[in-house]
Structures are given as C-alpha cells and as structure tokens.
Amino acid sequence: MVPVSNSVFAGTITQSTTATVNKVLSASADWVSIILDVTAVSGASASATFRVQWSMDGATFAEASPPDAFAPITAPVCVVERFTAKAPYWRAVCDLTGTEPSFTGSANSYG
C-alpha cells in the first residue's frame, strides 16, 4: 500500500509557526515521514528548525525526548526524515532565527 501524502506547510514562512492542521495517524501507522523542500532562503543568519510535536488527544501537544526534528536549515535543500509514531496525533512546528528570515518551499507528510 502506498502512503497518502498530506500537505504540512506550503508557501513562505517569515516567522516561527505551528501547523494549523493536526494530523491523525491511522491505527496501524508506526511512523510518519516528512519531505521538506526548501526552495529559497533569505535574511541575515537565517535558520529554520522544523520539528514534530505529539498528542494523545489532538489538543495538548508536547515534544518527544529527544525532540523529533530536522537539522537546522540555512540554505535551499530537499530532505526527508522518518519519525517513529509516539501518539495518534502530531503537528509540525517551525522555529525561525536570524534577521528578517524568510523560507519558501513545502513540506508533505506520509504515514
């Protein structure tokens, strides 16, 4: 069976943000993979850290320990990370640092 793609982020991010759509894993899912495609980066010392938070009820989210995160992004790149499921709900978070950071691209999940 081919996993279904779900959009996580698309467009340009200019401030730290949390995905507004909480994703629900199927009962049989053991993992979630996210393909992050950053096509443009601007701003002085711009850096983005994308990570996943987990929830048992879809309302209260928390970090895994250690956090499920991509390495900090500072230039255009296309990468994939696979995270072991820790709860039935998850959401993506992006923290930006630097002066006037701007990141353009998309992220899609599979799982």
PDB file of N, CA and C in Angstrom:
ATOM      1  N   MET A   1       0.841  -1.177   0.000  1.00  0.00           N
ATOM      2  CA  MET A   1       0.000   0.000   0.000  1.00  0.00           C
ATOM      3  C   MET A   1       0.890   1.245   0.000  1.00  0.00           C
ATOM      4  N   VAL A   2       0.602   2.205  -0.842  1.00  0.00           N
ATOM      5  CA  VAL A   2       1.354   3.449  -0.936  1.00  0.00           C
ATOM      6  C   VAL A   2       0.780   4.443   0.073  1.00  0.00           C
ATOM      7  N   PRO A   3       1.642   5.031   0.931  1.00  0.00           N
ATOM      8  CA  PRO A   3       1.154   6.023   1.888  1.00  0.00           C
ATOM      9  C   PRO A   3       0.573   7.244   1.174  1.00  0.00           C
ATOM     10  N   VAL A   4      -0.402   7.866   1.789  1.00  0.00           N
ATOM     11  CA  VAL A   4      -1.050   9.049   1.237  1.00  0.00           C
ATOM     12  C   VAL A   4      -0.273  10.288   1.663  1.00  0.00           C
ATOM     13  N   SER A   5      -0.091  11.223   0.729  1.00  0.00           N
ATOM     14  CA  SER A   5       0.602  12.477   1.001  1.00  0.00           C
ATOM     15  C   SER A   5      -0.363  13.492   1.614  1.00  0.00           C
ATOM     16  N   ASN A   6       0.111  14.215   2.618  1.00  0.00           N
ATOM     17  CA  ASN A   6      -0.655  15.286   3.251  1.00  0.00           C
ATOM     18  C   ASN A   6       0.217  16.532   3.311  1.00  0.00           C
ATOM     19  N   SER A   7      -0.327  17.675   2.907  1.00  0.00           N
ATOM     20  CA  SER A   7       0.419  18.931   2.976  1.00  0.00           C
ATOM     21  C   SER A   7       0.573  19.363   4.428  1.00  0.00           C
ATOM     22  N   VAL A   8       1.789  19.756   4.802  1.00  0.00           N
ATOM     23  CA  VAL A   8       2.071  20.245   6.143  1.00  0.00           C
ATOM     24  C   VAL A   8       2.288  21.759   6.107  1.00  0.00           C
ATOM     25  N   PHE A   9       3.175  22.207   5.236  1.00  0.00           N
ATOM     26  CA  PHE A   9       3.437  23.627   5.005  1.00  0.00           C
ATOM     27  C   PHE A   9       3.547  23.841   3.508  1.00  0.00           C
ATOM     28  N   ALA A  10       3.203  25.032   3.047  1.00  0.00           N
ATOM     29  CA  ALA A  10       3.440  25.414   1.651  1.00  0.00           C
ATOM     30  C   ALA A  10       3.469  26.933   1.590  1.00  0.00           C
ATOM     31  N   GLY A  11       4.408  27.464   0.824  1.00  0.00           N
ATOM     32  CA  GLY A  11       4.496  28.908   0.665  1.00  0.00           C
ATOM     33  C   GLY A  11       5.720  29.465   1.344  1.00  0.00           C
ATOM     34  N   THR A  12       5.595  30.665   1.885  1.00  0.00           N
ATOM     35  CA  THR A  12       6.716  31.352   2.515  1.00  0.00           C
ATOM     36  C   THR A  12       6.441  31.537   3.998  1.00  0.00           C
ATOM     37  N   ILE A  13       7.436  31.206   4.814  1.00  0.00           N
ATOM     38  CA  ILE A  13       7.347  31.362   6.263  1.00  0.00           C
ATOM     39  C   ILE A  13       8.306  32.482   6.657  1.00  0.00           C
ATOM     40  N   THR A  14       7.790  33.474   7.378  1.00  0.00           N
ATOM     41  CA  THR A  14       8.628  34.599   7.798  1.00  0.00           C
ATOM     42  C   THR A  14       8.663  34.776   9.316  1.00  0.00           C
ATOM     43  N   GLN A  15       7.985  33.883  10.027  1.00  0.00           N
ATOM     44  CA  GLN A  15       8.020  33.908  11.488  1.00  0.00           C
ATOM     45  C   GLN A  15       7.814  32.498  12.003  1.00  0.00           C
ATOM     46  N   SER A  16       8.231  32.249  13.244  1.00  0.00           N
ATOM     47  CA  SER A  16       8.030  30.930  13.834  1.00  0.00           C
ATOM     48  C   SER A  16       6.551  30.600  13.784  1.00  0.00           C
ATOM     49  N   THR A  17       6.240  29.334  13.487  1.00  0.00           N
ATOM     50  CA  THR A  17       4.838  28.972  13.270  1.00  0.00           C
ATOM     51  C   THR A  17       4.571  27.527  13.658  1.00  0.00           C
ATOM     52  N   THR A  18       3.313  27.233  13.912  1.00  0.00           N
ATOM     53  CA  THR A  18       2.836  25.887  14.174  1.00  0.00           C
ATOM     54  C   THR A  18       1.799  25.558  13.118  1.00  0.00           C
ATOM     55  N   ALA A  19       1.899  24.373  12.526  1.00  0.00           N
ATOM     56  CA  ALA A  19       0.918  23.965  11.524  1.00  0.00           C
ATOM     57  C   ALA A  19      -0.477  24.054  12.132  1.00  0.00           C
ATOM     58  N   THR A  20      -1.415  24.591  11.384  1.00  0.00           N
ATOM     59  CA  THR A  20      -2.763  24.771  11.919  1.00  0.00           C
ATOM     60  C   THR A  20      -3.601  23.512  11.826  1.00  0.00           C
ATOM     61  N   VAL A  21      -3.158  22.549  11.030  1.00  0.00           N
ATOM     62  CA  VAL A  21      -3.905  21.306  10.874  1.00  0.00           C
ATOM     63  C   VAL A  21      -3.194  20.205  11.646  1.00  0.00           C
ATOM     64  N   ASN A  22      -3.900  19.613  12.594  1.00  0.00           N
ATOM     65  CA  ASN A  22      -3.346  18.485  13.329  1.00  0.00           C
ATOM     66  C   ASN A  22      -3.544  17.233  12.482  1.00  0.00           C
ATOM     67  N   LYS A  23      -2.498  16.459  12.357  1.00  0.00           N
ATOM     68  CA  LYS A  23      -2.554  15.248  11.548  1.00  0.00           C
ATOM     69  C   LYS A  23      -2.866  14.053  12.440  1.00  0.00           C
ATOM     70  N   VAL A  24      -3.693  13.151  11.950  1.00  0.00           N
ATOM     71  CA  VAL A  24      -4.059  11.948  12.682  1.00  0.00           C
ATOM     72  C   VAL A  24      -3.444  10.759  11.960  1.00  0.00           C
ATOM     73  N   LEU A  25      -2.715   9.940  12.701  1.00  0.00           N
ATOM     74  CA  LEU A  25      -2.142   8.733  12.118  1.00  0.00           C
ATOM     75  C   LEU A  25      -3.190   7.632  12.107  1.00  0.00           C
ATOM     76  N   SER A  26      -3.123   6.755  11.125  1.00  0.00           N
ATOM     77  CA  SER A  26      -4.022   5.606  11.113  1.00  0.00           C
ATOM     78  C   SER A  26      -3.633   4.684  12.262  1.00  0.00           C
ATOM     79  N   ALA A  27      -4.559   3.850  12.685  1.00  0.00           N
ATOM     80  CA  ALA A  27      -4.319   2.966  13.820  1.00  0.00           C
ATOM     81  C   ALA A  27      -3.147   2.019  13.573  1.00  0.00           C
ATOM     82  N   SER A  28      -2.863   1.726  12.323  1.00  0.00           N
ATOM     83  CA  SER A  28      -1.781   0.796  12.009  1.00  0.00           C
ATOM     84  C   SER A  28      -0.447   1.491  11.723  1.00  0.00           C
ATOM     85  N   ALA A  29      -0.398   2.815  11.766  1.00  0.00           N
ATOM     86  CA  ALA A  29       0.830   3.555  11.433  1.00  0.00           C
ATOM     87  C   ALA A  29       1.849   3.467  12.565  1.00  0.00           C
ATOM     88  N   ASP A  30       3.066   3.107  12.201  1.00  0.00           N
ATOM     89  CA  ASP A  30       4.162   3.048  13.167  1.00  0.00           C
ATOM     90  C   ASP A  30       5.105   4.231  13.021  1.00  0.00           C
ATOM     91  N   TRP A  31       4.927   5.025  11.975  1.00  0.00           N
ATOM     92  CA  TRP A  31       5.853   6.097  11.673  1.00  0.00           C
ATOM     93  C   TRP A  31       5.176   7.166  10.834  1.00  0.00           C
ATOM     94  N   VAL A  32       5.841   8.313  10.750  1.00  0.00           N
ATOM     95  CA  VAL A  32       5.449   9.377   9.832  1.00  0.00           C
ATOM     96  C   VAL A  32       6.734   9.884   9.173  1.00  0.00           C
ATOM     97  N   SER A  33       6.690  10.050   7.870  1.00  0.00           N
ATOM     98  CA  SER A  33       7.815  10.622   7.128  1.00  0.00           C
ATOM     99  C   SER A  33       7.403  11.990   6.621  1.00  0.00           C
ATOM    100  N   ILE A  34       8.352  12.918   6.650  1.00  0.00           N
ATOM    101  CA  ILE A  34       8.097  14.269   6.162  1.00  0.00           C
ATOM    102  C   ILE A  34       9.185  14.628   5.156  1.00  0.00           C
ATOM    103  N   ILE A  35       8.736  15.029   3.973  1.00  0.00           N
ATOM    104  CA  ILE A  35       9.653  15.533   2.961  1.00  0.00           C
ATOM    105  C   ILE A  35       9.594  17.047   3.020  1.00  0.00           C
ATOM    106  N   LEU A  36      10.734  17.653   3.314  1.00  0.00           N
ATOM    107  CA  LEU A  36      10.852  19.099   3.442  1.00  0.00           C
ATOM    108  C   LEU A  36      11.639  19.606   2.244  1.00  0.00           C
ATOM    109  N   ASP A  37      11.009  20.462   1.438  1.00  0.00           N
ATOM    110  CA  ASP A  37      11.633  21.007   0.232  1.00  0.00           C
ATOM    111  C   ASP A  37      11.699  22.523   0.364  1.00  0.00           C
ATOM    112  N   VAL A  38      12.856  23.035   0.802  1.00  0.00           N
ATOM    113  CA  VAL A  38      13.067  24.473   0.946  1.00  0.00           C
ATOM    114  C   VAL A  38      13.714  24.954  -0.344  1.00  0.00           C
ATOM    115  N   THR A  39      13.019  25.841  -1.056  1.00  0.00           N
ATOM    116  CA  THR A  39      13.489  26.291  -2.370  1.00  0.00           C
ATOM    117  C   THR A  39      14.177  27.651  -2.327  1.00  0.00           C
ATOM    118  N   ALA A  40      13.952  28.442  -1.282  1.00  0.00           N
ATOM    119  CA  ALA A  40      14.600  29.755  -1.171  1.00  0.00           C
ATOM    120  C   ALA A  40      14.729  30.143   0.299  1.00  0.00           C
ATOM    121  N   VAL A  41      15.859  30.765   0.626  1.00  0.00           N
ATOM    122  CA  VAL A  41      16.130  31.256   1.976  1.00  0.00           C
ATOM    123  C   VAL A  41      16.691  32.664   1.853  1.00  0.00           C
ATOM    124  N   SER A  42      16.198  33.584   2.686  1.00  0.00           N
ATOM    125  CA  SER A  42      16.779  34.923   2.718  1.00  0.00           C
ATOM    126  C   SER A  42      16.771  35.432   4.155  1.00  0.00           C
ATOM    127  N   GLY A  43      17.538  36.491   4.379  1.00  0.00           N
ATOM    128  CA  GLY A  43      17.666  37.076   5.705  1.00  0.00           C
ATOM    129  C   GLY A  43      19.055  36.820   6.252  1.00  0.00           C
ATOM    130  N   ALA A  44      19.522  37.728   7.085  1.00  0.00           N
ATOM    131  CA  ALA A  44      20.850  37.597   7.680  1.00  0.00           C
ATOM    132  C   ALA A  44      20.859  36.490   8.725  1.00  0.00           C
ATOM    133  N   SER A  45      21.769  35.555   8.596  1.00  0.00           N
ATOM    134  CA  SER A  45      21.915  34.424   9.526  1.00  0.00           C
ATOM    135  C   SER A  45      20.605  33.658   9.700  1.00  0.00           C
ATOM    136  N   ALA A  46      19.805  33.559   8.629  1.00  0.00           N
ATOM    137  CA  ALA A  46      18.509  32.886   8.702  1.00  0.00           C
ATOM    138  C   ALA A  46      18.690  31.392   8.940  1.00  0.00           C
ATOM    139  N   SER A  47      17.897  30.857   9.867  1.00  0.00           N
ATOM    140  CA  SER A  47      17.924  29.436  10.189  1.00  0.00           C
ATOM    141  C   SER A  47      16.509  29.002  10.562  1.00  0.00           C
ATOM    142  N   ALA A  48      16.130  27.812  10.093  1.00  0.00           N
ATOM    143  CA  ALA A  48      14.814  27.252  10.421  1.00  0.00           C
ATOM    144  C   ALA A  48      15.001  25.863  11.014  1.00  0.00           C
ATOM    145  N   THR A  49      14.312  25.602  12.111  1.00  0.00           N
ATOM    146  CA  THR A  49      14.308  24.270  12.711  1.00  0.00           C
ATOM    147  C   THR A  49      12.873  23.753  12.668  1.00  0.00           C
ATOM    148  N   PHE A  50      12.660  22.716  11.870  1.00  0.00           N
ATOM    149  CA  PHE A  50      11.359  22.072  11.758  1.00  0.00           C
ATOM    150  C   PHE A  50      11.341  20.873  12.690  1.00  0.00           C
ATOM    151  N   ARG A  51      10.234  20.717  13.445  1.00  0.00           N
ATOM    152  CA  ARG A  51      10.128  19.587  14.362  1.00  0.00           C
ATOM    153  C   ARG A  51       8.685  19.113  14.454  1.00  0.00           C
ATOM    154  N   VAL A  52       8.504  17.945  15.066  1.00  0.00           N
ATOM    155  CA  VAL A  52       7.187  17.332  15.234  1.00  0.00           C
ATOM    156  C   VAL A  52       6.848  17.295  16.713  1.00  0.00           C
ATOM    157  N   GLN A  53       5.609  17.657  17.041  1.00  0.00           N
ATOM    158  CA  GLN A  53       5.082  17.520  18.395  1.00  0.00           C
ATOM    159  C   GLN A  53       3.978  16.476  18.364  1.00  0.00           C
ATOM    160  N   TRP A  54       3.760  15.812  19.498  1.00  0.00           N
ATOM    161  CA  TRP A  54       2.820  14.684  19.583  1.00  0.00           C
ATOM    162  C   TRP A  54       1.718  14.941  20.600  1.00  0.00           C
ATOM    163  N   SER A  55       0.551  14.286  20.389  1.00  0.00           N
ATOM    164  CA  SER A  55      -0.588  14.458  21.290  1.00  0.00           C
ATOM    165  C   SER A  55      -1.404  13.172  21.362  1.00  0.00           C
ATOM    166  N   MET A  56      -1.910  12.876  22.527  1.00  0.00           N
ATOM    167  CA  MET A  56      -2.806  11.730  22.693  1.00  0.00           C
ATOM    168  C   MET A  56      -4.254  12.106  22.382  1.00  0.00           C
ATOM    169  N   ASP A  57      -4.602  13.415  22.524  1.00  0.00           N
ATOM    170  CA  ASP A  57      -5.992  13.826  22.369  1.00  0.00           C
ATOM    171  C   ASP A  57      -6.230  14.834  21.244  1.00  0.00           C
ATOM    172  N   GLY A  58      -5.178  15.272  20.561  1.00  0.00           N
ATOM    173  CA  GLY A  58      -5.327  16.249  19.492  1.00  0.00           C
ATOM    174  C   GLY A  58      -5.446  17.674  19.983  1.00  0.00           C
ATOM    175  N   ALA A  59      -5.309  17.901  21.293  1.00  0.00           N
ATOM    176  CA  ALA A  59      -5.429  19.242  21.855  1.00  0.00           C
ATOM    177  C   ALA A  59      -4.171  19.687  22.587  1.00  0.00           C
ATOM    178  N   THR A  60      -3.580  18.796  23.374  1.00  0.00           N
ATOM    179  CA  THR A  60      -2.375  19.107  24.140  1.00  0.00           C
ATOM    180  C   THR A  60      -1.183  18.428  23.482  1.00  0.00           C
ATOM    181  N   PHE A  61      -0.230  19.237  22.990  1.00  0.00           N
ATOM    182  CA  PHE A  61       0.925  18.716  22.264  1.00  0.00           C
ATOM    183  C   PHE A  61       2.192  18.892  23.084  1.00  0.00           C
ATOM    184  N   ALA A  62       3.141  17.975  22.881  1.00  0.00           N
ATOM    185  CA  ALA A  62       4.410  18.020  23.602  1.00  0.00           C
ATOM    186  C   ALA A  62       5.527  17.502  22.706  1.00  0.00           C
ATOM    187  N   GLU A  63       6.745  17.874  23.075  1.00  0.00           N
ATOM    188  CA  GLU A  63       7.932  17.402  22.366  1.00  0.00           C
ATOM    189  C   GLU A  63       8.257  15.979  22.792  1.00  0.00           C
ATOM    190  N   ALA A  64       8.826  15.211  21.884  1.00  0.00           N
ATOM    191  CA  ALA A  64       9.402  13.919  22.237  1.00  0.00           C
ATOM    192  C   ALA A  64      10.732  14.192  22.934  1.00  0.00           C
ATOM    193  N   SER A  65      11.268  13.196  23.592  1.00  0.00           N
ATOM    194  CA  SER A  65      12.574  13.333  24.223  1.00  0.00           C
ATOM    195  C   SER A  65      13.459  12.183  23.769  1.00  0.00           C
ATOM    196  N   PRO A  66      14.449  12.448  22.939  1.00  0.00           N
ATOM    197  CA  PRO A  66      14.852  13.726  22.372  1.00  0.00           C
ATOM    198  C   PRO A  66      13.848  14.191  21.320  1.00  0.00           C
ATOM    199  N   PRO A  67      13.866  15.491  20.993  1.00  0.00           N
ATOM    200  CA  PRO A  67      12.896  16.024  20.029  1.00  0.00           C
ATOM    201  C   PRO A  67      13.015  15.385  18.646  1.00  0.00           C
ATOM    202  N   ASP A  68      11.882  15.202  17.999  1.00  0.00           N
ATOM    203  CA  ASP A  68      11.844  14.735  16.609  1.00  0.00           C
ATOM    204  C   ASP A  68      11.991  15.973  15.736  1.00  0.00           C
ATOM    205  N   ALA A  69      13.192  16.194  15.198  1.00  0.00           N
ATOM    206  CA  ALA A  69      13.469  17.430  14.480  1.00  0.00           C
ATOM    207  C   ALA A  69      14.414  17.195  13.310  1.00  0.00           C
ATOM    208  N   PHE A  70      14.284  18.060  12.319  1.00  0.00           N
ATOM    209  CA  PHE A  70      15.242  18.127  11.226  1.00  0.00           C
ATOM    210  C   PHE A  70      16.466  18.904  11.718  1.00  0.00           C
ATOM    211  N   ALA A  71      17.608  18.673  11.104  1.00  0.00           N
ATOM    212  CA  ALA A  71      18.769  19.523  11.361  1.00  0.00           C
ATOM    213  C   ALA A  71      18.395  20.938  10.934  1.00  0.00           C
ATOM    214  N   PRO A  72      18.953  21.962  11.589  1.00  0.00           N
ATOM    215  CA  PRO A  72      18.636  23.340  11.195  1.00  0.00           C
ATOM    216  C   PRO A  72      18.900  23.581   9.706  1.00  0.00           C
ATOM    217  N   ILE A  73      17.971  24.290   9.065  1.00  0.00           N
ATOM    218  CA  ILE A  73      18.043  24.589   7.635  1.00  0.00           C
ATOM    219  C   ILE A  73      18.539  26.022   7.473  1.00  0.00           C
ATOM    220  N   THR A  74      19.591  26.215   6.674  1.00  0.00           N
ATOM    221  CA  THR A  74      20.138  27.552   6.447  1.00  0.00           C
ATOM    222  C   THR A  74      20.271  27.885   4.963  1.00  0.00           C
ATOM    223  N   ALA A  75      19.949  26.912   4.088  1.00  0.00           N
ATOM    224  CA  ALA A  75      20.061  27.097   2.638  1.00  0.00           C
ATOM    225  C   ALA A  75      19.033  26.197   1.961  1.00  0.00           C
ATOM    226  N   PRO A  76      18.708  26.457   0.700  1.00  0.00           N
ATOM    227  CA  PRO A  76      17.764  25.585  -0.003  1.00  0.00           C
ATOM    228  C   PRO A  76      18.222  24.123   0.053  1.00  0.00           C
ATOM    229  N   VAL A  77      17.262  23.236   0.289  1.00  0.00           N
ATOM    230  CA  VAL A  77      17.565  21.810   0.433  1.00  0.00           C
ATOM    231  C   VAL A  77      16.263  21.020   0.314  1.00  0.00           C
ATOM    232  N   CYS A  78      16.370  19.780  -0.079  1.00  0.00           N
ATOM    233  CA  CYS A  78      15.235  18.851  -0.046  1.00  0.00           C
ATOM    234  C   CYS A  78      15.683  17.642   0.762  1.00  0.00           C
ATOM    235  N   VAL A  79      15.020  17.403   1.891  1.00  0.00           N
ATOM    236  CA  VAL A  79      15.400  16.313   2.790  1.00  0.00           C
ATOM    237  C   VAL A  79      14.152  15.581   3.270  1.00  0.00           C
ATOM    238  N   VAL A  80      14.355  14.342   3.703  1.00  0.00           N
ATOM    239  CA  VAL A  80      13.264  13.553   4.274  1.00  0.00           C
ATOM    240  C   VAL A  80      13.710  13.014   5.626  1.00  0.00           C
ATOM    241  N   GLU A  81      12.790  13.025   6.572  1.00  0.00           N
ATOM    242  CA  GLU A  81      13.022  12.440   7.894  1.00  0.00           C
ATOM    243  C   GLU A  81      11.868  11.493   8.190  1.00  0.00           C
ATOM    244  N   ARG A  82      12.173  10.408   8.862  1.00  0.00           N
ATOM    245  CA  ARG A  82      11.156   9.436   9.274  1.00  0.00           C
ATOM    246  C   ARG A  82      11.178   9.364  10.798  1.00  0.00           C
ATOM    247  N   PHE A  83      10.013   9.595  11.407  1.00  0.00           N
ATOM    248  CA  PHE A  83       9.896   9.606  12.855  1.00  0.00           C
ATOM    249  C   PHE A  83       8.992   8.468  13.313  1.00  0.00           C
ATOM    250  N   THR A  84       9.398   7.776  14.359  1.00  0.00           N
ATOM    251  CA  THR A  84       8.570   6.729  14.948  1.00  0.00           C
ATOM    252  C   THR A  84       7.365   7.379  15.614  1.00  0.00           C
ATOM    253  N   ALA A  85       6.176   6.833  15.384  1.00  0.00           N
ATOM    254  CA  ALA A  85       4.953   7.386  15.981  1.00  0.00           C
ATOM    255  C   ALA A  85       5.015   7.263  17.500  1.00  0.00           C
ATOM    256  N   LYS A  86       4.655   8.344  18.170  1.00  0.00           N
ATOM    257  CA  LYS A  86       4.663   8.371  19.628  1.00  0.00           C
ATOM    258  C   LYS A  86       3.279   8.611  20.212  1.00  0.00           C
ATOM    259  N   ALA A  87       2.332   8.975  19.357  1.00  0.00           N
ATOM    260  CA  ALA A  87       0.959   9.249  19.769  1.00  0.00           C
ATOM    261  C   ALA A  87       0.111   9.278  18.499  1.00  0.00           C
ATOM    262  N   PRO A  88      -1.210   9.236  18.628  1.00  0.00           N
ATOM    263  CA  PRO A  88      -2.052   9.208  17.431  1.00  0.00           C
ATOM    264  C   PRO A  88      -2.132  10.533  16.671  1.00  0.00           C
ATOM    265  N   TYR A  89      -1.839  11.656  17.316  1.00  0.00           N
ATOM    266  CA  TYR A  89      -1.903  12.967  16.666  1.00  0.00           C
ATOM    267  C   TYR A  89      -0.510  13.583  16.634  1.00  0.00           C
ATOM    268  N   TRP A  90      -0.258  14.366  15.580  1.00  0.00           N
ATOM    269  CA  TRP A  90       1.002  15.095  15.509  1.00  0.00           C
ATOM    270  C   TRP A  90       0.787  16.400  14.759  1.00  0.00           C
ATOM    271  N   ARG A  91       1.711  17.331  14.966  1.00  0.00           N
ATOM    272  CA  ARG A  91       1.693  18.579  14.219  1.00  0.00           C
ATOM    273  C   ARG A  91       3.140  19.010  13.980  1.00  0.00           C
ATOM    274  N   ALA A  92       3.324  19.839  12.981  1.00  0.00           N
ATOM    275  CA  ALA A  92       4.648  20.352  12.650  1.00  0.00           C
ATOM    276  C   ALA A  92       4.818  21.745  13.231  1.00  0.00           C
ATOM    277  N   VAL A  93       6.026  22.038  13.664  1.00  0.00           N
ATOM    278  CA  VAL A  93       6.379  23.334  14.220  1.00  0.00           C
ATOM    279  C   VAL A  93       7.649  23.797  13.521  1.00  0.00           C
ATOM    280  N   CYS A  94       7.758  25.093  13.258  1.00  0.00           N
ATOM    281  CA  CYS A  94       8.955  25.652  12.643  1.00  0.00           C
ATOM    282  C   CYS A  94       9.396  26.869  13.451  1.00  0.00           C
ATOM    283  N   ASP A  95      10.629  26.827  13.938  1.00  0.00           N
ATOM    284  CA  ASP A  95      11.212  27.958  14.663  1.00  0.00           C
ATOM    285  C   ASP A  95      12.218  28.648  13.764  1.00  0.00           C
ATOM    286  N   LEU A  96      12.056  29.963  13.569  1.00  0.00           N
ATOM    287  CA  LEU A  96      12.974  30.742  12.746  1.00  0.00           C
ATOM    288  C   LEU A  96      13.840  31.631  13.628  1.00  0.00           C
ATOM    289  N   THR A  97      15.097  31.782  13.220  1.00  0.00           N
ATOM    290  CA  THR A  97      16.003  32.726  13.868  1.00  0.00           C
ATOM    291  C   THR A  97      16.723  33.513  12.781  1.00  0.00           C
ATOM    292  N   GLY A  98      17.363  34.588  13.181  1.00  0.00           N
ATOM    293  CA  GLY A  98      18.075  35.443  12.245  1.00  0.00           C
ATOM    294  C   GLY A  98      17.359  36.773  12.089  1.00  0.00           C
ATOM    295  N   THR A  99      17.898  37.623  11.230  1.00  0.00           N
ATOM    296  CA  THR A  99      17.314  38.931  10.958  1.00  0.00           C
ATOM    297  C   THR A  99      16.475  38.849   9.687  1.00  0.00           C
ATOM    298  N   GLU A 100      15.181  39.120   9.821  1.00  0.00           N
ATOM    299  CA  GLU A 100      14.222  39.047   8.721  1.00  0.00           C
ATOM    300  C   GLU A 100      14.320  37.730   7.947  1.00  0.00           C
ATOM    301  N   PRO A 101      14.217  36.576   8.657  1.00  0.00           N
ATOM    302  CA  PRO A 101      14.313  35.291   7.974  1.00  0.00           C
ATOM    303  C   PRO A 101      13.089  35.029   7.092  1.00  0.00           C
ATOM    304  N   SER A 102      13.320  34.383   5.971  1.00  0.00           N
ATOM    305  CA  SER A 102      12.246  34.009   5.057  1.00  0.00           C
ATOM    306  C   SER A 102      12.613  32.674   4.407  1.00  0.00           C
ATOM    307  N   PHE A 103      11.699  31.710   4.503  1.00  0.00           N
ATOM    308  CA  PHE A 103      11.912  30.385   3.941  1.00  0.00           C
ATOM    309  C   PHE A 103      10.714  30.052   3.046  1.00  0.00           C
ATOM    310  N   THR A 104      10.994  29.698   1.804  1.00  0.00           N
ATOM    311  CA  THR A 104       9.957  29.348   0.843  1.00  0.00           C
ATOM    312  C   THR A 104      10.107  27.882   0.472  1.00  0.00           C
ATOM    313  N   GLY A 105       8.983  27.193   0.353  1.00  0.00           N
ATOM    314  CA  GLY A 105       9.011  25.792  -0.036  1.00  0.00           C
ATOM    315  C   GLY A 105       7.763  25.083   0.421  1.00  0.00           C
ATOM    316  N   SER A 106       7.916  23.787   0.685  1.00  0.00           N
ATOM    317  CA  SER A 106       6.772  22.992   1.111  1.00  0.00           C
ATOM    318  C   SER A 106       7.249  21.816   1.950  1.00  0.00           C
ATOM    319  N   ALA A 107       6.312  21.245   2.683  1.00  0.00           N
ATOM    320  CA  ALA A 107       6.561  20.026   3.443  1.00  0.00           C
ATOM    321  C   ALA A 107       5.325  19.149   3.297  1.00  0.00           C
ATOM    322  N   ASN A 108       5.554  17.885   3.004  1.00  0.00           N
ATOM    323  CA  ASN A 108       4.473  16.909   2.874  1.00  0.00           C
ATOM    324  C   ASN A 108       4.772  15.722   3.762  1.00  0.00           C
ATOM    325  N   SER A 109       3.723  15.158   4.347  1.00  0.00           N
ATOM    326  CA  SER A 109       3.901  14.003   5.239  1.00  0.00           C
ATOM    327  C   SER A 109       3.340  12.744   4.574  1.00  0.00           C
ATOM    328  N   TYR A 110       3.897  11.639   5.004  1.00  0.00           N
ATOM    329  CA  TYR A 110       3.469  10.312   4.561  1.00  0.00           C
ATOM    330  C   TYR A 110       3.478   9.424   5.787  1.00  0.00           C
ATOM    331  N   GLY A 111       2.480   8.602   5.938  1.00  0.00           N
ATOM    332  CA  GLY A 111       2.498   7.691   7.090  1.00  0.00           C
ATOM    333  C   GLY A 111       1.133   7.171   7.395  1.00  0.00           C
TER     334      GLY A 111
END
